[in-house]
Amino acid sequence: MRGVMRGVAHRGVKLSFGEYGLATEDMGWITSRQIEAARRAITHYTQRGGKIWIRVFPDKPITKKPPEVRMGGGKGDIHEYVAPVKPGRMLFEMAGVPREVAVEALRLASHKMPVKTRLVTKGR
């Protein structure tokens, strides 16, 4: 079984560190590769300016058996690590950059995510 996710997130839903954030609107799994791709998109666009916080960590191992393997033979090897997220969970936070730069950087990062996201601003 892969687990069941229901409801909305209660932890990690508010801006704790930065002025701008990227929050999820769907539930799903975010892989370590997707988190890294989004982080690289943000740092590239901001030209390493400001500060970025990654609020999710991929700590759930996902196993997979090789292709064309017969049934049985035990559990497969670890294929990747994912971070399960629920609606409302904060993925990234940013500070120290102008609003226009932060909005565009987080928009680029949102394209790397497999879930629907929204921009969150401090004070709103």
PDB file of N, CA and C in Angstrom:
ATOM      1  N   MET A   1       0.839  -1.195   0.000  1.00  0.00           N
ATOM      2  CA  MET A   1       0.000   0.000   0.000  1.00  0.00           C
ATOM      3  C   MET A   1       0.877   1.248   0.000  1.00  0.00           C
ATOM      4  N   ARG A   2       0.444   2.223  -0.704  1.00  0.00           N
ATOM      5  CA  ARG A   2       1.202   3.465  -0.820  1.00  0.00           C
ATOM      6  C   ARG A   2       0.769   4.518   0.188  1.00  0.00           C
ATOM      7  N   GLY A   3      -0.236   4.232   1.005  1.00  0.00           N
ATOM      8  CA  GLY A   3      -0.694   5.207   1.986  1.00  0.00           C
ATOM      9  C   GLY A   3      -1.869   6.010   1.463  1.00  0.00           C
ATOM     10  N   VAL A   4      -2.624   6.565   2.389  1.00  0.00           N
ATOM     11  CA  VAL A   4      -3.805   7.359   2.043  1.00  0.00           C
ATOM     12  C   VAL A   4      -3.611   8.766   2.589  1.00  0.00           C
ATOM     13  N   MET A   5      -3.861   9.768   1.765  1.00  0.00           N
ATOM     14  CA  MET A   5      -3.781  11.164   2.207  1.00  0.00           C
ATOM     15  C   MET A   5      -5.172  11.782   2.124  1.00  0.00           C
ATOM     16  N   ARG A   6      -5.606  12.338   3.244  1.00  0.00           N
ATOM     17  CA  ARG A   6      -6.910  12.994   3.268  1.00  0.00           C
ATOM     18  C   ARG A   6      -6.771  14.349   3.942  1.00  0.00           C
ATOM     19  N   GLY A   7      -7.715  15.250   3.638  1.00  0.00           N
ATOM     20  CA  GLY A   7      -7.781  16.521   4.349  1.00  0.00           C
ATOM     21  C   GLY A   7      -6.753  17.536   3.901  1.00  0.00           C
ATOM     22  N   VAL A   8      -6.610  18.566   4.719  1.00  0.00           N
ATOM     23  CA  VAL A   8      -5.679  19.655   4.427  1.00  0.00           C
ATOM     24  C   VAL A   8      -4.546  19.642   5.446  1.00  0.00           C
ATOM     25  N   ALA A   9      -3.454  20.305   5.103  1.00  0.00           N
ATOM     26  CA  ALA A   9      -2.300  20.369   5.987  1.00  0.00           C
ATOM     27  C   ALA A   9      -2.598  21.279   7.178  1.00  0.00           C
ATOM     28  N   HIS A  10      -2.089  20.889   8.335  1.00  0.00           N
ATOM     29  CA  HIS A  10      -2.213  21.713   9.533  1.00  0.00           C
ATOM     30  C   HIS A  10      -0.861  22.284   9.937  1.00  0.00           C
ATOM     31  N   ARG A  11       0.207  21.603   9.567  1.00  0.00           N
ATOM     32  CA  ARG A  11       1.555  22.057   9.901  1.00  0.00           C
ATOM     33  C   ARG A  11       2.213  22.610   8.643  1.00  0.00           C
ATOM     34  N   GLY A  12       3.061  23.601   8.833  1.00  0.00           N
ATOM     35  CA  GLY A  12       3.801  24.164   7.703  1.00  0.00           C
ATOM     36  C   GLY A  12       2.932  24.901   6.714  1.00  0.00           C
ATOM     37  N   VAL A  13       1.904  25.599   7.201  1.00  0.00           N
ATOM     38  CA  VAL A  13       0.982  26.279   6.291  1.00  0.00           C
ATOM     39  C   VAL A  13       1.158  27.792   6.282  1.00  0.00           C
ATOM     40  N   LYS A  14       1.926  28.347   7.229  1.00  0.00           N
ATOM     41  CA  LYS A  14       2.103  29.790   7.311  1.00  0.00           C
ATOM     42  C   LYS A  14       3.504  30.187   6.891  1.00  0.00           C
ATOM     43  N   LEU A  15       3.645  31.454   6.489  1.00  0.00           N
ATOM     44  CA  LEU A  15       4.976  31.990   6.209  1.00  0.00           C
ATOM     45  C   LEU A  15       5.701  32.155   7.541  1.00  0.00           C
ATOM     46  N   SER A  16       6.785  31.417   7.728  1.00  0.00           N
ATOM     47  CA  SER A  16       7.516  31.463   8.986  1.00  0.00           C
ATOM     48  C   SER A  16       8.818  32.231   8.879  1.00  0.00           C
ATOM     49  N   PHE A  17       9.424  32.265   7.698  1.00  0.00           N
ATOM     50  CA  PHE A  17      10.754  32.844   7.556  1.00  0.00           C
ATOM     51  C   PHE A  17      10.802  34.014   6.585  1.00  0.00           C
ATOM     52  N   GLY A  18      10.175  33.877   5.417  1.00  0.00           N
ATOM     53  CA  GLY A  18      10.309  34.869   4.364  1.00  0.00           C
ATOM     54  C   GLY A  18       9.102  35.766   4.209  1.00  0.00           C
ATOM     55  N   GLU A  19       9.159  36.580   3.132  1.00  0.00           N
ATOM     56  CA  GLU A  19       8.076  37.511   2.817  1.00  0.00           C
ATOM     57  C   GLU A  19       7.126  36.949   1.768  1.00  0.00           C
ATOM     58  N   TYR A  20       7.625  36.049   0.925  1.00  0.00           N
ATOM     59  CA  TYR A  20       6.837  35.450  -0.147  1.00  0.00           C
ATOM     60  C   TYR A  20       6.970  33.941  -0.064  1.00  0.00           C
ATOM     61  N   GLY A  21       5.916  33.232  -0.436  1.00  0.00           N
ATOM     62  CA  GLY A  21       5.956  31.782  -0.359  1.00  0.00           C
ATOM     63  C   GLY A  21       5.172  31.133  -1.478  1.00  0.00           C
ATOM     64  N   LEU A  22       5.440  29.842  -1.666  1.00  0.00           N
ATOM     65  CA  LEU A  22       4.740  29.033  -2.650  1.00  0.00           C
ATOM     66  C   LEU A  22       4.049  27.903  -1.890  1.00  0.00           C
ATOM     67  N   ALA A  23       2.711  27.889  -1.917  1.00  0.00           N
ATOM     68  CA  ALA A  23       1.930  26.903  -1.174  1.00  0.00           C
ATOM     69  C   ALA A  23       1.182  26.002  -2.150  1.00  0.00           C
ATOM     70  N   THR A  24       0.909  24.770  -1.725  1.00  0.00           N
ATOM     71  CA  THR A  24       0.208  23.815  -2.576  1.00  0.00           C
ATOM     72  C   THR A  24      -1.301  24.020  -2.485  1.00  0.00           C
ATOM     73  N   GLU A  25      -1.986  23.627  -3.547  1.00  0.00           N
ATOM     74  CA  GLU A  25      -3.441  23.623  -3.549  1.00  0.00           C
ATOM     75  C   GLU A  25      -3.986  22.217  -3.756  1.00  0.00           C
ATOM     76  N   ASP A  26      -3.129  21.282  -4.128  1.00  0.00           N
ATOM     77  CA  ASP A  26      -3.510  19.889  -4.324  1.00  0.00           C
ATOM     78  C   ASP A  26      -2.695  19.016  -3.382  1.00  0.00           C
ATOM     79  N   MET A  27      -3.066  17.741  -3.317  1.00  0.00           N
ATOM     80  CA  MET A  27      -2.222  16.818  -2.583  1.00  0.00           C
ATOM     81  C   MET A  27      -1.494  15.925  -3.572  1.00  0.00           C
ATOM     82  N   GLY A  28      -0.335  15.463  -3.153  1.00  0.00           N
ATOM     83  CA  GLY A  28       0.446  14.600  -4.024  1.00  0.00           C
ATOM     84  C   GLY A  28       1.835  14.377  -3.469  1.00  0.00           C
ATOM     85  N   TRP A  29       2.667  13.758  -4.275  1.00  0.00           N
ATOM     86  CA  TRP A  29       4.053  13.497  -3.918  1.00  0.00           C
ATOM     87  C   TRP A  29       4.955  14.409  -4.726  1.00  0.00           C
ATOM     88  N   ILE A  30       5.917  15.028  -4.065  1.00  0.00           N
ATOM     89  CA  ILE A  30       6.910  15.847  -4.745  1.00  0.00           C
ATOM     90  C   ILE A  30       8.247  15.137  -4.584  1.00  0.00           C
ATOM     91  N   THR A  31       8.881  14.799  -5.686  1.00  0.00           N
ATOM     92  CA  THR A  31      10.134  14.048  -5.625  1.00  0.00           C
ATOM     93  C   THR A  31      11.303  14.977  -5.318  1.00  0.00           C
ATOM     94  N   SER A  32      12.399  14.388  -4.904  1.00  0.00           N
ATOM     95  CA  SER A  32      13.597  15.164  -4.597  1.00  0.00           C
ATOM     96  C   SER A  32      14.123  15.870  -5.851  1.00  0.00           C
ATOM     97  N   ARG A  33      13.950  15.258  -7.002  1.00  0.00           N
ATOM     98  CA  ARG A  33      14.395  15.880  -8.266  1.00  0.00           C
ATOM     99  C   ARG A  33      13.567  17.123  -8.593  1.00  0.00           C
ATOM    100  N   GLN A  34      12.273  17.066  -8.321  1.00  0.00           N
ATOM    101  CA  GLN A  34      11.407  18.214  -8.589  1.00  0.00           C
ATOM    102  C   GLN A  34      11.724  19.370  -7.640  1.00  0.00           C
ATOM    103  N   ILE A  35      12.005  19.056  -6.378  1.00  0.00           N
ATOM    104  CA  ILE A  35      12.377  20.093  -5.414  1.00  0.00           C
ATOM    105  C   ILE A  35      13.669  20.760  -5.843  1.00  0.00           C
ATOM    106  N   GLU A  36      14.641  19.964  -6.268  1.00  0.00           N
ATOM    107  CA  GLU A  36      15.932  20.513  -6.703  1.00  0.00           C
ATOM    108  C   GLU A  36      15.785  21.354  -7.970  1.00  0.00           C
ATOM    109  N   ALA A  37      14.937  20.918  -8.907  1.00  0.00           N
ATOM    110  CA  ALA A  37      14.715  21.679 -10.140  1.00  0.00           C
ATOM    111  C   ALA A  37      14.087  23.036  -9.825  1.00  0.00           C
ATOM    112  N   ALA A  38      13.136  23.056  -8.904  1.00  0.00           N
ATOM    113  CA  ALA A  38      12.488  24.310  -8.517  1.00  0.00           C
ATOM    114  C   ALA A  38      13.487  25.226  -7.804  1.00  0.00           C
ATOM    115  N   ARG A  39      14.306  24.645  -6.929  1.00  0.00           N
ATOM    116  CA  ARG A  39      15.310  25.444  -6.220  1.00  0.00           C
ATOM    117  C   ARG A  39      16.291  26.077  -7.198  1.00  0.00           C
ATOM    118  N   ARG A  40      16.718  25.314  -8.191  1.00  0.00           N
ATOM    119  CA  ARG A  40      17.657  25.842  -9.193  1.00  0.00           C
ATOM    120  C   ARG A  40      17.010  26.932 -10.040  1.00  0.00           C
ATOM    121  N   ALA A  41      15.724  26.791 -10.359  1.00  0.00           N
ATOM    122  CA  ALA A  41      15.015  27.815 -11.131  1.00  0.00           C
ATOM    123  C   ALA A  41      14.949  29.127 -10.343  1.00  0.00           C
ATOM    124  N   ILE A  42      14.683  29.018  -9.035  1.00  0.00           N
ATOM    125  CA  ILE A  42      14.604  30.215  -8.189  1.00  0.00           C
ATOM    126  C   ILE A  42      15.960  30.897  -8.094  1.00  0.00           C
ATOM    127  N   THR A  43      17.000  30.138  -7.773  1.00  0.00           N
ATOM    128  CA  THR A  43      18.326  30.736  -7.596  1.00  0.00           C
ATOM    129  C   THR A  43      18.867  31.303  -8.904  1.00  0.00           C
ATOM    130  N   HIS A  44      18.545  30.660 -10.019  1.00  0.00           N
ATOM    131  CA  HIS A  44      19.012  31.174 -11.309  1.00  0.00           C
ATOM    132  C   HIS A  44      18.348  32.506 -11.638  1.00  0.00           C
ATOM    133  N   TYR A  45      17.030  32.594 -11.391  1.00  0.00           N
ATOM    134  CA  TYR A  45      16.322  33.824 -11.735  1.00  0.00           C
ATOM    135  C   TYR A  45      16.716  34.977 -10.808  1.00  0.00           C
ATOM    136  N   THR A  46      16.914  34.699  -9.546  1.00  0.00           N
ATOM    137  CA  THR A  46      17.269  35.761  -8.593  1.00  0.00           C
ATOM    138  C   THR A  46      18.749  36.091  -8.624  1.00  0.00           C
ATOM    139  N   GLN A  47      19.497  35.385  -9.436  1.00  0.00           N
ATOM    140  CA  GLN A  47      20.949  35.572  -9.550  1.00  0.00           C
ATOM    141  C   GLN A  47      21.610  35.482  -8.178  1.00  0.00           C
ATOM    142  N   ARG A  48      21.188  34.462  -7.417  1.00  0.00           N
ATOM    143  CA  ARG A  48      21.694  34.152  -6.080  1.00  0.00           C
ATOM    144  C   ARG A  48      21.512  35.300  -5.101  1.00  0.00           C
ATOM    145  N   GLY A  49      20.492  36.112  -5.327  1.00  0.00           N
ATOM    146  CA  GLY A  49      20.186  37.200  -4.399  1.00  0.00           C
ATOM    147  C   GLY A  49      19.102  36.782  -3.432  1.00  0.00           C
ATOM    148  N   GLY A  50      19.034  37.462  -2.300  1.00  0.00           N
ATOM    149  CA  GLY A  50      18.006  37.164  -1.316  1.00  0.00           C
ATOM    150  C   GLY A  50      18.265  35.855  -0.591  1.00  0.00           C
ATOM    151  N   LYS A  51      17.230  35.367   0.087  1.00  0.00           N
ATOM    152  CA  LYS A  51      17.329  34.134   0.870  1.00  0.00           C
ATOM    153  C   LYS A  51      16.165  33.226   0.510  1.00  0.00           C
ATOM    154  N   ILE A  52      16.439  31.925   0.434  1.00  0.00           N
ATOM    155  CA  ILE A  52      15.419  30.942   0.077  1.00  0.00           C
ATOM    156  C   ILE A  52      15.359  29.874   1.165  1.00  0.00           C
ATOM    157  N   TRP A  53      14.149  29.508   1.543  1.00  0.00           N
ATOM    158  CA  TRP A  53      13.943  28.411   2.488  1.00  0.00           C
ATOM    159  C   TRP A  53      13.138  27.331   1.790  1.00  0.00           C
ATOM    160  N   ILE A  54      13.593  26.083   1.879  1.00  0.00           N
ATOM    161  CA  ILE A  54      12.850  24.941   1.359  1.00  0.00           C
ATOM    162  C   ILE A  54      12.128  24.311   2.543  1.00  0.00           C
ATOM    163  N   ARG A  55      10.811  24.296   2.505  1.00  0.00           N
ATOM    164  CA  ARG A  55      10.019  23.892   3.665  1.00  0.00           C
ATOM    165  C   ARG A  55       9.568  22.435   3.636  1.00  0.00           C
ATOM    166  N   VAL A  56       9.907  21.697   2.585  1.00  0.00           N
ATOM    167  CA  VAL A  56       9.551  20.276   2.521  1.00  0.00           C
ATOM    168  C   VAL A  56      10.829  19.456   2.371  1.00  0.00           C
ATOM    169  N   PHE A  57      10.787  18.241   2.873  1.00  0.00           N
ATOM    170  CA  PHE A  57      11.936  17.348   2.765  1.00  0.00           C
ATOM    171  C   PHE A  57      11.457  15.976   2.298  1.00  0.00           C
ATOM    172  N   PRO A  58      12.088  15.419   1.270  1.00  0.00           N
ATOM    173  CA  PRO A  58      11.659  14.109   0.748  1.00  0.00           C
ATOM    174  C   PRO A  58      12.178  12.970   1.627  1.00  0.00           C
ATOM    175  N   ASP A  59      11.367  12.541   2.578  1.00  0.00           N
ATOM    176  CA  ASP A  59      11.809  11.505   3.504  1.00  0.00           C
ATOM    177  C   ASP A  59      11.027  10.199   3.386  1.00  0.00           C
ATOM    178  N   LYS A  60      10.222  10.077   2.334  1.00  0.00           N
ATOM    179  CA  LYS A  60       9.454   8.848   2.126  1.00  0.00           C
ATOM    180  C   LYS A  60      10.087   8.055   0.979  1.00  0.00           C
ATOM    181  N   PRO A  61      10.647   6.883   1.251  1.00  0.00           N
ATOM    182  CA  PRO A  61      11.249   6.088   0.174  1.00  0.00           C
ATOM    183  C   PRO A  61      10.169   5.373  -0.641  1.00  0.00           C
ATOM    184  N   ILE A  62      10.331   5.397  -1.948  1.00  0.00           N
ATOM    185  CA  ILE A  62       9.411   4.718  -2.860  1.00  0.00           C
ATOM    186  C   ILE A  62      10.181   3.590  -3.542  1.00  0.00           C
ATOM    187  N   THR A  63       9.660   2.383  -3.426  1.00  0.00           N
ATOM    188  CA  THR A  63      10.339   1.229  -4.018  1.00  0.00           C
ATOM    189  C   THR A  63       9.718   0.896  -5.364  1.00  0.00           C
ATOM    190  N   LYS A  64      10.503   0.224  -6.201  1.00  0.00           N
ATOM    191  CA  LYS A  64      10.029  -0.156  -7.517  1.00  0.00           C
ATOM    192  C   LYS A  64      10.816  -1.375  -7.976  1.00  0.00           C
ATOM    193  N   LYS A  65      10.128  -2.309  -8.573  1.00  0.00           N
ATOM    194  CA  LYS A  65      10.812  -3.479  -9.116  1.00  0.00           C
ATOM    195  C   LYS A  65      11.238  -3.189 -10.553  1.00  0.00           C
ATOM    196  N   PRO A  66      12.322  -3.793 -11.005  1.00  0.00           N
ATOM    197  CA  PRO A  66      12.782  -3.546 -12.374  1.00  0.00           C
ATOM    198  C   PRO A  66      11.732  -3.986 -13.403  1.00  0.00           C
ATOM    199  N   PRO A  67      11.823  -3.444 -14.615  1.00  0.00           N
ATOM    200  CA  PRO A  67      10.854  -3.842 -15.642  1.00  0.00           C
ATOM    201  C   PRO A  67      11.028  -5.312 -16.028  1.00  0.00           C
ATOM    202  N   GLU A  68       9.925  -5.951 -16.405  1.00  0.00           N
ATOM    203  CA  GLU A  68       9.885  -7.332 -16.886  1.00  0.00           C
ATOM    204  C   GLU A  68      10.407  -8.336 -15.863  1.00  0.00           C
ATOM    205  N   VAL A  69      10.048  -8.108 -14.590  1.00  0.00           N
ATOM    206  CA  VAL A  69      10.408  -9.046 -13.529  1.00  0.00           C
ATOM    207  C   VAL A  69       9.137  -9.760 -13.112  1.00  0.00           C
ATOM    208  N   ARG A  70       9.231 -11.079 -12.914  1.00  0.00           N
ATOM    209  CA  ARG A  70       8.061 -11.865 -12.551  1.00  0.00           C
ATOM    210  C   ARG A  70       7.603 -11.540 -11.136  1.00  0.00           C
ATOM    211  N   MET A  71       6.374 -11.911 -10.853  1.00  0.00           N
ATOM    212  CA  MET A  71       5.799 -11.665  -9.544  1.00  0.00           C
ATOM    213  C   MET A  71       6.564 -12.437  -8.475  1.00  0.00           C
ATOM    214  N   GLY A  72       6.555 -11.884  -7.243  1.00  0.00           N
ATOM    215  CA  GLY A  72       7.268 -12.536  -6.146  1.00  0.00           C
ATOM    216  C   GLY A  72       8.694 -12.020  -6.054  1.00  0.00           C
ATOM    217  N   GLY A  73       9.461 -12.647  -5.214  1.00  0.00           N
ATOM    218  CA  GLY A  73      10.871 -12.251  -5.081  1.00  0.00           C
ATOM    219  C   GLY A  73      11.080 -11.108  -4.114  1.00  0.00           C
ATOM    220  N   GLY A  74      10.057 -10.762  -3.333  1.00  0.00           N
ATOM    221  CA  GLY A  74      10.219  -9.731  -2.317  1.00  0.00           C
ATOM    222  C   GLY A  74       9.979  -8.325  -2.825  1.00  0.00           C
ATOM    223  N   LYS A  75      10.255  -7.410  -1.913  1.00  0.00           N
ATOM    224  CA  LYS A  75      10.027  -5.992  -2.202  1.00  0.00           C
ATOM    225  C   LYS A  75      11.125  -5.466  -3.116  1.00  0.00           C
ATOM    226  N   GLY A  76      10.788  -4.482  -3.947  1.00  0.00           N
ATOM    227  CA  GLY A  76      11.760  -3.911  -4.863  1.00  0.00           C
ATOM    228  C   GLY A  76      12.737  -2.974  -4.175  1.00  0.00           C
ATOM    229  N   ASP A  77      13.732  -2.533  -4.923  1.00  0.00           N
ATOM    230  CA  ASP A  77      14.734  -1.605  -4.401  1.00  0.00           C
ATOM    231  C   ASP A  77      14.155  -0.194  -4.332  1.00  0.00           C
ATOM    232  N   ILE A  78      14.787   0.653  -3.516  1.00  0.00           N
ATOM    233  CA  ILE A  78      14.358   2.051  -3.412  1.00  0.00           C
ATOM    234  C   ILE A  78      14.653   2.751  -4.727  1.00  0.00           C
ATOM    235  N   HIS A  79      13.612   3.336  -5.290  1.00  0.00           N
ATOM    236  CA  HIS A  79      13.711   4.000  -6.594  1.00  0.00           C
ATOM    237  C   HIS A  79      13.930   5.497  -6.446  1.00  0.00           C
ATOM    238  N   GLU A  80      13.206   6.130  -5.500  1.00  0.00           N
ATOM    239  CA  GLU A  80      13.313   7.572  -5.284  1.00  0.00           C
ATOM    240  C   GLU A  80      12.757   7.918  -3.907  1.00  0.00           C
ATOM    241  N   TYR A  81      12.950   9.164  -3.519  1.00  0.00           N
ATOM    242  CA  TYR A  81      12.394   9.676  -2.272  1.00  0.00           C
ATOM    243  C   TYR A  81      11.416  10.787  -2.606  1.00  0.00           C
ATOM    244  N   VAL A  82      10.292  10.830  -1.881  1.00  0.00           N
ATOM    245  CA  VAL A  82       9.275  11.844  -2.136  1.00  0.00           C
ATOM    246  C   VAL A  82       8.886  12.528  -0.835  1.00  0.00           C
ATOM    247  N   ALA A  83       8.299  13.715  -0.983  1.00  0.00           N
ATOM    248  CA  ALA A  83       7.728  14.456   0.134  1.00  0.00           C
ATOM    249  C   ALA A  83       6.223  14.486  -0.084  1.00  0.00           C
ATOM    250  N   PRO A  84       5.431  13.770   0.737  1.00  0.00           N
ATOM    251  CA  PRO A  84       3.982  13.846   0.584  1.00  0.00           C
ATOM    252  C   PRO A  84       3.473  15.211   1.056  1.00  0.00           C
ATOM    253  N   VAL A  85       2.663  15.879   0.244  1.00  0.00           N
ATOM    254  CA  VAL A  85       2.138  17.196   0.618  1.00  0.00           C
ATOM    255  C   VAL A  85       0.617  17.195   0.509  1.00  0.00           C
ATOM    256  N   LYS A  86       0.000  17.974   1.390  1.00  0.00           N
ATOM    257  CA  LYS A  86      -1.445  18.168   1.383  1.00  0.00           C
ATOM    258  C   LYS A  86      -1.742  19.612   1.000  1.00  0.00           C
ATOM    259  N   PRO A  87      -2.972  19.942   0.661  1.00  0.00           N
ATOM    260  CA  PRO A  87      -3.300  21.327   0.310  1.00  0.00           C
ATOM    261  C   PRO A  87      -2.978  22.290   1.446  1.00  0.00           C
ATOM    262  N   GLY A  88      -2.347  23.406   1.104  1.00  0.00           N
ATOM    263  CA  GLY A  88      -1.996  24.430   2.075  1.00  0.00           C
ATOM    264  C   GLY A  88      -0.557  24.379   2.534  1.00  0.00           C
ATOM    265  N   ARG A  89       0.153  23.310   2.234  1.00  0.00           N
ATOM    266  CA  ARG A  89       1.537  23.151   2.692  1.00  0.00           C
ATOM    267  C   ARG A  89       2.454  24.145   1.969  1.00  0.00           C
ATOM    268  N   MET A  90       3.313  24.820   2.744  1.00  0.00           N
ATOM    269  CA  MET A  90       4.266  25.770   2.184  1.00  0.00           C
ATOM    270  C   MET A  90       5.470  25.001   1.632  1.00  0.00           C
ATOM    271  N   LEU A  91       5.820  25.247   0.378  1.00  0.00           N
ATOM    272  CA  LEU A  91       6.939  24.551  -0.253  1.00  0.00           C
ATOM    273  C   LEU A  91       8.228  25.364  -0.169  1.00  0.00           C
ATOM    274  N   PHE A  92       8.149  26.625  -0.580  1.00  0.00           N
ATOM    275  CA  PHE A  92       9.325  27.500  -0.585  1.00  0.00           C
ATOM    276  C   PHE A  92       8.959  28.841   0.030  1.00  0.00           C
ATOM    277  N   GLU A  93       9.966  29.498   0.598  1.00  0.00           N
ATOM    278  CA  GLU A  93       9.801  30.867   1.077  1.00  0.00           C
ATOM    279  C   GLU A  93      10.991  31.684   0.583  1.00  0.00           C
ATOM    280  N   MET A  94      10.746  32.974   0.365  1.00  0.00           N
ATOM    281  CA  MET A  94      11.793  33.874  -0.125  1.00  0.00           C
ATOM    282  C   MET A  94      11.757  35.183   0.638  1.00  0.00           C
ATOM    283  N   ALA A  95      12.919  35.825   0.750  1.00  0.00           N
ATOM    284  CA  ALA A  95      13.025  37.150   1.360  1.00  0.00           C
ATOM    285  C   ALA A  95      14.242  37.845   0.783  1.00  0.00           C
ATOM    286  N   GLY A  96      14.260  39.164   0.901  1.00  0.00           N
ATOM    287  CA  GLY A  96      15.419  39.932   0.480  1.00  0.00           C
ATOM    288  C   GLY A  96      15.498  40.254  -0.993  1.00  0.00           C
ATOM    289  N   VAL A  97      14.388  40.085  -1.714  1.00  0.00           N
ATOM    290  CA  VAL A  97      14.353  40.440  -3.137  1.00  0.00           C
ATOM    291  C   VAL A  97      13.104  41.286  -3.387  1.00  0.00           C
ATOM    292  N   PRO A  98      13.102  42.099  -4.456  1.00  0.00           N
ATOM    293  CA  PRO A  98      11.894  42.872  -4.771  1.00  0.00           C
ATOM    294  C   PRO A  98      10.709  41.960  -5.100  1.00  0.00           C
ATOM    295  N   ARG A  99       9.513  42.509  -4.935  1.00  0.00           N
ATOM    296  CA  ARG A  99       8.299  41.720  -5.140  1.00  0.00           C
ATOM    297  C   ARG A  99       8.224  41.120  -6.544  1.00  0.00           C
ATOM    298  N   GLU A 100       8.548  41.902  -7.565  1.00  0.00           N
ATOM    299  CA  GLU A 100       8.449  41.418  -8.943  1.00  0.00           C
ATOM    300  C   GLU A 100       9.373  40.227  -9.177  1.00  0.00           C
ATOM    301  N   VAL A 101      10.583  40.310  -8.616  1.00  0.00           N
ATOM    302  CA  VAL A 101      11.556  39.224  -8.775  1.00  0.00           C
ATOM    303  C   VAL A 101      11.065  37.969  -8.056  1.00  0.00           C
ATOM    304  N   ALA A 102      10.544  38.128  -6.846  1.00  0.00           N
ATOM    305  CA  ALA A 102      10.053  36.984  -6.077  1.00  0.00           C
ATOM    306  C   ALA A 102       8.866  36.316  -6.761  1.00  0.00           C
ATOM    307  N   VAL A 103       7.950  37.114  -7.272  1.00  0.00           N
ATOM    308  CA  VAL A 103       6.762  36.562  -7.938  1.00  0.00           C
ATOM    309  C   VAL A 103       7.169  35.761  -9.169  1.00  0.00           C
ATOM    310  N   GLU A 104       8.058  36.301  -9.971  1.00  0.00           N
ATOM    311  CA  GLU A 104       8.485  35.599 -11.184  1.00  0.00           C
ATOM    312  C   GLU A 104       9.291  34.348 -10.854  1.00  0.00           C
ATOM    313  N   ALA A 105      10.166  34.430  -9.856  1.00  0.00           N
ATOM    314  CA  ALA A 105      10.974  33.265  -9.470  1.00  0.00           C
ATOM    315  C   ALA A 105      10.085  32.135  -8.960  1.00  0.00           C
ATOM    316  N   LEU A 106       9.100  32.464  -8.141  1.00  0.00           N
ATOM    317  CA  LEU A 106       8.198  31.430  -7.627  1.00  0.00           C
ATOM    318  C   LEU A 106       7.265  30.905  -8.711  1.00  0.00           C
ATOM    319  N   ARG A 107       6.944  31.739  -9.694  1.00  0.00           N
ATOM    320  CA  ARG A 107       6.146  31.262 -10.831  1.00  0.00           C
ATOM    321  C   ARG A 107       6.927  30.223 -11.630  1.00  0.00           C
ATOM    322  N   LEU A 108       8.219  30.495 -11.846  1.00  0.00           N
ATOM    323  CA  LEU A 108       9.067  29.529 -12.552  1.00  0.00           C
ATOM    324  C   LEU A 108       9.177  28.232 -11.763  1.00  0.00           C
ATOM    325  N   ALA A 109       9.292  28.340 -10.440  1.00  0.00           N
ATOM    326  CA  ALA A 109       9.386  27.147  -9.593  1.00  0.00           C
ATOM    327  C   ALA A 109       8.084  26.350  -9.625  1.00  0.00           C
ATOM    328  N   SER A 110       6.959  27.052  -9.718  1.00  0.00           N
ATOM    329  CA  SER A 110       5.669  26.356  -9.715  1.00  0.00           C
ATOM    330  C   SER A 110       5.497  25.469 -10.946  1.00  0.00           C
ATOM    331  N   HIS A 111       6.157  25.831 -12.040  1.00  0.00           N
ATOM    332  CA  HIS A 111       6.074  25.013 -13.251  1.00  0.00           C
ATOM    333  C   HIS A 111       6.807  23.685 -13.092  1.00  0.00           C
ATOM    334  N   LYS A 112       7.694  23.594 -12.135  1.00  0.00           N
ATOM    335  CA  LYS A 112       8.437  22.358 -11.890  1.00  0.00           C
ATOM    336  C   LYS A 112       7.680  21.399 -10.971  1.00  0.00           C
ATOM    337  N   MET A 113       6.616  21.890 -10.343  1.00  0.00           N
ATOM    338  CA  MET A 113       5.895  21.100  -9.348  1.00  0.00           C
ATOM    339  C   MET A 113       4.790  20.265 -10.003  1.00  0.00           C
ATOM    340  N   PRO A 114       4.547  19.052  -9.477  1.00  0.00           N
ATOM    341  CA  PRO A 114       3.483  18.206 -10.032  1.00  0.00           C
ATOM    342  C   PRO A 114       2.099  18.531  -9.465  1.00  0.00           C
ATOM    343  N   VAL A 115       2.036  19.488  -8.520  1.00  0.00           N
ATOM    344  CA  VAL A 115       0.762  19.870  -7.906  1.00  0.00           C
ATOM    345  C   VAL A 115       0.473  21.335  -8.223  1.00  0.00           C
ATOM    346  N   LYS A 116      -0.784  21.709  -8.101  1.00  0.00           N
ATOM    347  CA  LYS A 116      -1.189  23.092  -8.315  1.00  0.00           C
ATOM    348  C   LYS A 116      -0.708  23.921  -7.121  1.00  0.00           C
ATOM    349  N   THR A 117      -0.195  25.131  -7.381  1.00  0.00           N
ATOM    350  CA  THR A 117       0.349  25.945  -6.311  1.00  0.00           C
ATOM    351  C   THR A 117      -0.206  27.363  -6.390  1.00  0.00           C
ATOM    352  N   ARG A 118       0.014  28.132  -5.299  1.00  0.00           N
ATOM    353  CA  ARG A 118      -0.380  29.536  -5.282  1.00  0.00           C
ATOM    354  C   ARG A 118       0.688  30.342  -4.568  1.00  0.00           C
ATOM    355  N   LEU A 119       0.752  31.622  -4.897  1.00  0.00           N
ATOM    356  CA  LEU A 119       1.713  32.533  -4.270  1.00  0.00           C
ATOM    357  C   LEU A 119       1.107  33.095  -2.991  1.00  0.00           C
ATOM    358  N   VAL A 120       1.910  33.143  -1.934  1.00  0.00           N
ATOM    359  CA  VAL A 120       1.473  33.678  -0.649  1.00  0.00           C
ATOM    360  C   VAL A 120       2.381  34.832  -0.290  1.00  0.00           C
ATOM    361  N   THR A 121       1.799  35.934   0.177  1.00  0.00           N
ATOM    362  CA  THR A 121       2.552  37.119   0.554  1.00  0.00           C
ATOM    363  C   THR A 121       2.349  37.403   2.031  1.00  0.00           C
ATOM    364  N   LYS A 122       3.378  37.896   2.691  1.00  0.00           N
ATOM    365  CA  LYS A 122       3.288  38.230   4.107  1.00  0.00           C
ATOM    366  C   LYS A 122       2.253  39.333   4.294  1.00  0.00           C
ATOM    367  N   GLY A 123       1.404  39.195   5.294  1.00  0.00           N
ATOM    368  CA  GLY A 123       0.396  40.196   5.578  1.00  0.00           C
ATOM    369  C   GLY A 123      -0.909  40.001   4.830  1.00  0.00           C
ATOM    370  N   ARG A 124      -0.984  38.933   3.999  1.00  0.00           N
ATOM    371  CA  ARG A 124      -2.233  38.667   3.269  1.00  0.00           C
ATOM    372  C   ARG A 124      -2.744  37.302   3.601  1.00  0.00           C
TER     373      ARG A 124
END
